[in-house]
Amino acid sequence: MTHQVTTHDNALEKADLHEIMRLLPHRYPLLLVDSIINIDGNRSAVGIKNVTFNEPHFQGHFPGEPIMPGVLIVEGMAQTSGAIGIRDLKLDKPALVFFMTIDKVKFRKPVVPGDVLEYHVKLIKQRGSICKYECTGIVGGEKVAEAEVQAMLSPSDAKSRSK
């Protein structure tokens, strides 16, 4: 389901969980985006992840002091970037997104259950089906992580696998 949200005189869109699942092949427990807001084509968006204690990685990372693994934060950034890239292609089935590079990764503060993690993604460069995004993780207005992710969108693989 696609919705229109008006912000600062620009019509920006958002995608709920059903739309994200239509775009991406990921499913729980590896789907790390609950909704995406402020979508501006494939140029930028904000993914939202409601971090909850019942997620399986918290059983072992770390008992008594649950912290969201950094690799999952980067994966959520990539999923947000991939979803808006795929959405921009206007496909009727999910497409696969393959990581090519992950650069300039920094973690600044732990993400814990109860946090609302925002993945702010912005397109840096696109060449054909390869896109590079600048990503920032934010909780409560504070930067918790950052990275640049580059991936290849592969809609033909998804179509052949889903038959």
C-alpha atoms as a PDB file:
ATOM      1  CA  MET A   1       0.000   0.000   0.000  1.00  0.00           C
ATOM      2  CA  THR A   2       1.471   3.377  -1.014  1.00  0.00           C
ATOM      3  CA  HIS A   3       0.590   6.628   0.713  1.00  0.00           C
ATOM      4  CA  GLN A   4       1.297  10.295   0.004  1.00  0.00           C
ATOM      5  CA  VAL A   5       2.749  12.510   2.737  1.00  0.00           C
ATOM      6  CA  THR A   6       3.263  16.216   2.145  1.00  0.00           C
ATOM      7  CA  THR A   7       6.357  17.714   3.734  1.00  0.00           C
ATOM      8  CA  HIS A   8       7.896  21.114   2.970  1.00  0.00           C
ATOM      9  CA  ASP A   9       5.891  21.511  -0.261  1.00  0.00           C
ATOM     10  CA  ASN A  10       7.201  18.200  -1.652  1.00  0.00           C
ATOM     11  CA  ALA A  11       4.906  15.203  -2.064  1.00  0.00           C
ATOM     12  CA  LEU A  12       6.841  12.383  -0.422  1.00  0.00           C
ATOM     13  CA  GLU A  13       5.627   8.817  -0.249  1.00  0.00           C
ATOM     14  CA  LYS A  14       5.803   6.084   2.352  1.00  0.00           C
ATOM     15  CA  ALA A  15       5.638   2.303   2.311  1.00  0.00           C
ATOM     16  CA  ASP A  16       4.133   0.106   5.003  1.00  0.00           C
ATOM     17  CA  LEU A  17       5.283  -3.413   5.892  1.00  0.00           C
ATOM     18  CA  HIS A  18       3.112  -5.016   3.196  1.00  0.00           C
ATOM     19  CA  GLU A  19       4.674  -2.806   0.518  1.00  0.00           C
ATOM     20  CA  ILE A  20       8.194  -3.573   1.787  1.00  0.00           C
ATOM     21  CA  MET A  21       7.460  -7.309   1.657  1.00  0.00           C
ATOM     22  CA  ARG A  22       6.210  -6.856  -1.914  1.00  0.00           C
ATOM     23  CA  LEU A  23       9.508  -5.189  -2.837  1.00  0.00           C
ATOM     24  CA  LEU A  24      12.051  -7.287  -0.919  1.00  0.00           C
ATOM     25  CA  PRO A  25      12.395 -11.071  -0.656  1.00  0.00           C
ATOM     26  CA  HIS A  26      13.489 -10.802   3.017  1.00  0.00           C
ATOM     27  CA  ARG A  27      11.239 -12.206   5.749  1.00  0.00           C
ATOM     28  CA  TYR A  28      11.388 -12.377   9.539  1.00  0.00           C
ATOM     29  CA  PRO A  29      13.762 -12.680  11.281  1.00  0.00           C
ATOM     30  CA  LEU A  30      15.919 -11.041   8.599  1.00  0.00           C
ATOM     31  CA  LEU A  31      13.513  -8.326   7.480  1.00  0.00           C
ATOM     32  CA  LEU A  32      14.877  -5.344   9.411  1.00  0.00           C
ATOM     33  CA  VAL A  33      12.626  -2.501   8.204  1.00  0.00           C
ATOM     34  CA  ASP A  34       9.066  -1.994   9.499  1.00  0.00           C
ATOM     35  CA  SER A  35       8.138   0.990   7.324  1.00  0.00           C
ATOM     36  CA  ILE A  36       9.730   3.552   5.032  1.00  0.00           C
ATOM     37  CA  ILE A  37       8.783   7.240   5.055  1.00  0.00           C
ATOM     38  CA  ASN A  38       9.791  10.361   3.135  1.00  0.00           C
ATOM     39  CA  ILE A  39      10.476   8.370  -0.029  1.00  0.00           C
ATOM     40  CA  ASP A  40      11.751  10.607  -2.828  1.00  0.00           C
ATOM     41  CA  GLY A  41      11.975   8.186  -5.767  1.00  0.00           C
ATOM     42  CA  ASN A  42      15.216   6.225  -5.424  1.00  0.00           C
ATOM     43  CA  ARG A  43      17.014   9.378  -4.231  1.00  0.00           C
ATOM     44  CA  SER A  44      16.309   9.280  -0.492  1.00  0.00           C
ATOM     45  CA  ALA A  45      14.110   7.867   2.240  1.00  0.00           C
ATOM     46  CA  VAL A  46      13.937   7.058   5.940  1.00  0.00           C
ATOM     47  CA  GLY A  47      13.461   3.434   7.000  1.00  0.00           C
ATOM     48  CA  ILE A  48      11.954   2.787  10.432  1.00  0.00           C
ATOM     49  CA  LYS A  49      12.863  -0.193  12.634  1.00  0.00           C
ATOM     50  CA  ASN A  50      11.102  -0.664  15.966  1.00  0.00           C
ATOM     51  CA  VAL A  51      13.701  -2.545  18.003  1.00  0.00           C
ATOM     52  CA  THR A  52      12.044  -5.084  20.321  1.00  0.00           C
ATOM     53  CA  PHE A  53      13.441  -7.389  22.994  1.00  0.00           C
ATOM     54  CA  ASN A  54      11.873 -10.518  21.460  1.00  0.00           C
ATOM     55  CA  GLU A  55      14.120 -10.442  18.367  1.00  0.00           C
ATOM     56  CA  PRO A  56      16.233 -13.624  18.187  1.00  0.00           C
ATOM     57  CA  HIS A  57      19.670 -11.960  18.099  1.00  0.00           C
ATOM     58  CA  PHE A  58      19.144 -10.511  21.595  1.00  0.00           C
ATOM     59  CA  GLN A  59      19.244 -14.027  23.100  1.00  0.00           C
ATOM     60  CA  GLY A  60      22.985 -14.142  22.535  1.00  0.00           C
ATOM     61  CA  HIS A  61      24.014 -10.501  21.915  1.00  0.00           C
ATOM     62  CA  PHE A  62      24.378 -10.050  24.842  1.00  0.00           C
ATOM     63  CA  PRO A  63      22.561 -11.907  27.662  1.00  0.00           C
ATOM     64  CA  GLY A  64      21.719  -9.359  30.354  1.00  0.00           C
ATOM     65  CA  GLU A  65      22.692  -6.420  28.143  1.00  0.00           C
ATOM     66  CA  PRO A  66      20.958  -6.690  24.751  1.00  0.00           C
ATOM     67  CA  ILE A  67      22.597  -4.683  21.962  1.00  0.00           C
ATOM     68  CA  MET A  68      21.561  -4.823  18.301  1.00  0.00           C
ATOM     69  CA  PRO A  69      24.477  -6.228  16.271  1.00  0.00           C
ATOM     70  CA  GLY A  70      26.107  -3.631  14.033  1.00  0.00           C
ATOM     71  CA  VAL A  71      25.931  -5.907  11.011  1.00  0.00           C
ATOM     72  CA  LEU A  72      22.136  -5.939  11.350  1.00  0.00           C
ATOM     73  CA  ILE A  73      22.059  -2.145  11.475  1.00  0.00           C
ATOM     74  CA  VAL A  74      24.035  -2.044   8.213  1.00  0.00           C
ATOM     75  CA  GLU A  75      21.708  -4.706   6.752  1.00  0.00           C
ATOM     76  CA  GLY A  76      18.688  -2.540   7.662  1.00  0.00           C
ATOM     77  CA  MET A  77      20.305   0.417   5.898  1.00  0.00           C
ATOM     78  CA  ALA A  78      20.872  -1.756   2.831  1.00  0.00           C
ATOM     79  CA  GLN A  79      17.300  -3.081   2.905  1.00  0.00           C
ATOM     80  CA  THR A  80      15.919   0.464   3.019  1.00  0.00           C
ATOM     81  CA  SER A  81      18.165   1.494   0.111  1.00  0.00           C
ATOM     82  CA  GLY A  82      17.290  -1.630  -1.868  1.00  0.00           C
ATOM     83  CA  ALA A  83      13.557  -1.217  -1.296  1.00  0.00           C
ATOM     84  CA  ILE A  84      13.464   2.304  -2.717  1.00  0.00           C
ATOM     85  CA  GLY A  85      15.684   1.273  -5.625  1.00  0.00           C
ATOM     86  CA  ILE A  86      13.419  -1.673  -6.462  1.00  0.00           C
ATOM     87  CA  ARG A  87      10.294   0.448  -5.917  1.00  0.00           C
ATOM     88  CA  ASP A  88      11.614   2.935  -8.457  1.00  0.00           C
ATOM     89  CA  LEU A  89      11.797   0.115 -11.050  1.00  0.00           C
ATOM     90  CA  LYS A  90       8.018  -0.446 -10.623  1.00  0.00           C
ATOM     91  CA  LEU A  91       8.280  -4.254 -10.638  1.00  0.00           C
ATOM     92  CA  ASP A  92       5.376  -6.529  -9.788  1.00  0.00           C
ATOM     93  CA  LYS A  93       7.551  -9.006  -7.811  1.00  0.00           C
ATOM     94  CA  PRO A  94      10.389  -8.714  -5.286  1.00  0.00           C
ATOM     95  CA  ALA A  95      13.871  -8.289  -6.699  1.00  0.00           C
ATOM     96  CA  LEU A  96      17.137  -9.478  -5.243  1.00  0.00           C
ATOM     97  CA  VAL A  97      19.692  -6.973  -4.026  1.00  0.00           C
ATOM     98  CA  PHE A  98      23.331  -8.030  -3.814  1.00  0.00           C
ATOM     99  CA  PHE A  99      25.858  -6.184  -1.626  1.00  0.00           C
ATOM    100  CA  MET A 100      28.919  -5.087  -3.579  1.00  0.00           C
ATOM    101  CA  THR A 101      30.702  -2.846  -1.077  1.00  0.00           C
ATOM    102  CA  ILE A 102      30.216  -1.574   2.456  1.00  0.00           C
ATOM    103  CA  ASP A 103      32.451   1.409   3.215  1.00  0.00           C
ATOM    104  CA  LYS A 104      33.023   4.067   5.871  1.00  0.00           C
ATOM    105  CA  VAL A 105      31.163   2.110   8.559  1.00  0.00           C
ATOM    106  CA  LYS A 106      31.134   3.689  12.013  1.00  0.00           C
ATOM    107  CA  PHE A 107      29.149   2.791  15.101  1.00  0.00           C
ATOM    108  CA  ARG A 108      28.703   5.609  17.587  1.00  0.00           C
ATOM    109  CA  LYS A 109      26.202   4.391  20.173  1.00  0.00           C
ATOM    110  CA  PRO A 110      24.522   1.051  21.009  1.00  0.00           C
ATOM    111  CA  VAL A 111      21.003   0.358  19.721  1.00  0.00           C
ATOM    112  CA  VAL A 112      18.898  -1.430  22.333  1.00  0.00           C
ATOM    113  CA  PRO A 113      15.364  -2.822  22.700  1.00  0.00           C
ATOM    114  CA  GLY A 114      12.815  -0.021  22.894  1.00  0.00           C
ATOM    115  CA  ASP A 115      14.711   2.194  20.425  1.00  0.00           C
ATOM    116  CA  VAL A 116      13.144   3.413  17.201  1.00  0.00           C
ATOM    117  CA  LEU A 117      15.984   3.179  14.699  1.00  0.00           C
ATOM    118  CA  GLU A 118      15.771   5.400  11.632  1.00  0.00           C
ATOM    119  CA  TYR A 119      17.791   4.495   8.551  1.00  0.00           C
ATOM    120  CA  HIS A 120      18.337   7.743   6.601  1.00  0.00           C
ATOM    121  CA  VAL A 121      19.498   6.806   3.092  1.00  0.00           C
ATOM    122  CA  LYS A 122      20.557   9.080   0.254  1.00  0.00           C
ATOM    123  CA  LEU A 123      21.605   8.063  -3.270  1.00  0.00           C
ATOM    124  CA  ILE A 124      25.210   9.067  -4.000  1.00  0.00           C
ATOM    125  CA  LYS A 125      25.681   7.452  -7.399  1.00  0.00           C
ATOM    126  CA  GLN A 126      23.855   5.184  -9.817  1.00  0.00           C
ATOM    127  CA  ARG A 127      25.210   3.387 -12.842  1.00  0.00           C
ATOM    128  CA  GLY A 128      22.718   1.043 -14.477  1.00  0.00           C
ATOM    129  CA  SER A 129      21.478  -1.403 -11.854  1.00  0.00           C
ATOM    130  CA  ILE A 130      24.255  -0.504  -9.386  1.00  0.00           C
ATOM    131  CA  CYS A 131      23.419   2.063  -6.707  1.00  0.00           C
ATOM    132  CA  LYS A 132      25.528   3.554  -3.926  1.00  0.00           C
ATOM    133  CA  TYR A 133      23.854   5.093  -0.863  1.00  0.00           C
ATOM    134  CA  GLU A 134      25.072   7.195   2.029  1.00  0.00           C
ATOM    135  CA  CYS A 135      23.329   5.880   5.147  1.00  0.00           C
ATOM    136  CA  THR A 136      22.932   7.176   8.681  1.00  0.00           C
ATOM    137  CA  GLY A 137      21.327   5.385  11.627  1.00  0.00           C
ATOM    138  CA  ILE A 138      19.564   7.720  14.054  1.00  0.00           C
ATOM    139  CA  VAL A 139      17.859   7.044  17.396  1.00  0.00           C
ATOM    140  CA  GLY A 140      16.139   9.873  19.237  1.00  0.00           C
ATOM    141  CA  GLY A 141      17.812  12.479  17.056  1.00  0.00           C
ATOM    142  CA  GLU A 142      21.327  11.091  17.731  1.00  0.00           C
ATOM    143  CA  LYS A 143      23.542   9.458  15.107  1.00  0.00           C
ATOM    144  CA  VAL A 144      24.223   5.854  16.142  1.00  0.00           C
ATOM    145  CA  ALA A 145      25.789   4.490  12.933  1.00  0.00           C
ATOM    146  CA  GLU A 146      26.832   5.437   9.421  1.00  0.00           C
ATOM    147  CA  ALA A 147      27.930   3.632   6.281  1.00  0.00           C
ATOM    148  CA  GLU A 148      28.078   3.781   2.513  1.00  0.00           C
ATOM    149  CA  VAL A 149      26.518   0.742   0.852  1.00  0.00           C
ATOM    150  CA  GLN A 150      26.712  -0.224  -2.789  1.00  0.00           C
ATOM    151  CA  ALA A 151      24.533  -2.919  -4.259  1.00  0.00           C
ATOM    152  CA  MET A 152      23.314  -4.358  -7.515  1.00  0.00           C
ATOM    153  CA  LEU A 153      19.575  -4.659  -8.099  1.00  0.00           C
ATOM    154  CA  SER A 154      18.789  -7.909  -9.854  1.00  0.00           C
ATOM    155  CA  PRO A 155      15.131  -7.995 -10.916  1.00  0.00           C
ATOM    156  CA  SER A 156      15.618 -10.777 -13.493  1.00  0.00           C
ATOM    157  CA  ASP A 157      16.936 -13.233 -10.864  1.00  0.00           C
ATOM    158  CA  ALA A 158      13.927 -12.593  -8.647  1.00  0.00           C
ATOM    159  CA  LYS A 159      11.505 -13.200 -11.506  1.00  0.00           C
ATOM    160  CA  SER A 160      13.133 -16.500 -12.493  1.00  0.00           C
ATOM    161  CA  ARG A 161      13.283 -17.735  -8.865  1.00  0.00           C
ATOM    162  CA  SER A 162       9.662 -16.913  -8.082  1.00  0.00           C
ATOM    163  CA  LYS A 163       8.148 -19.061 -10.872  1.00  0.00           C
END
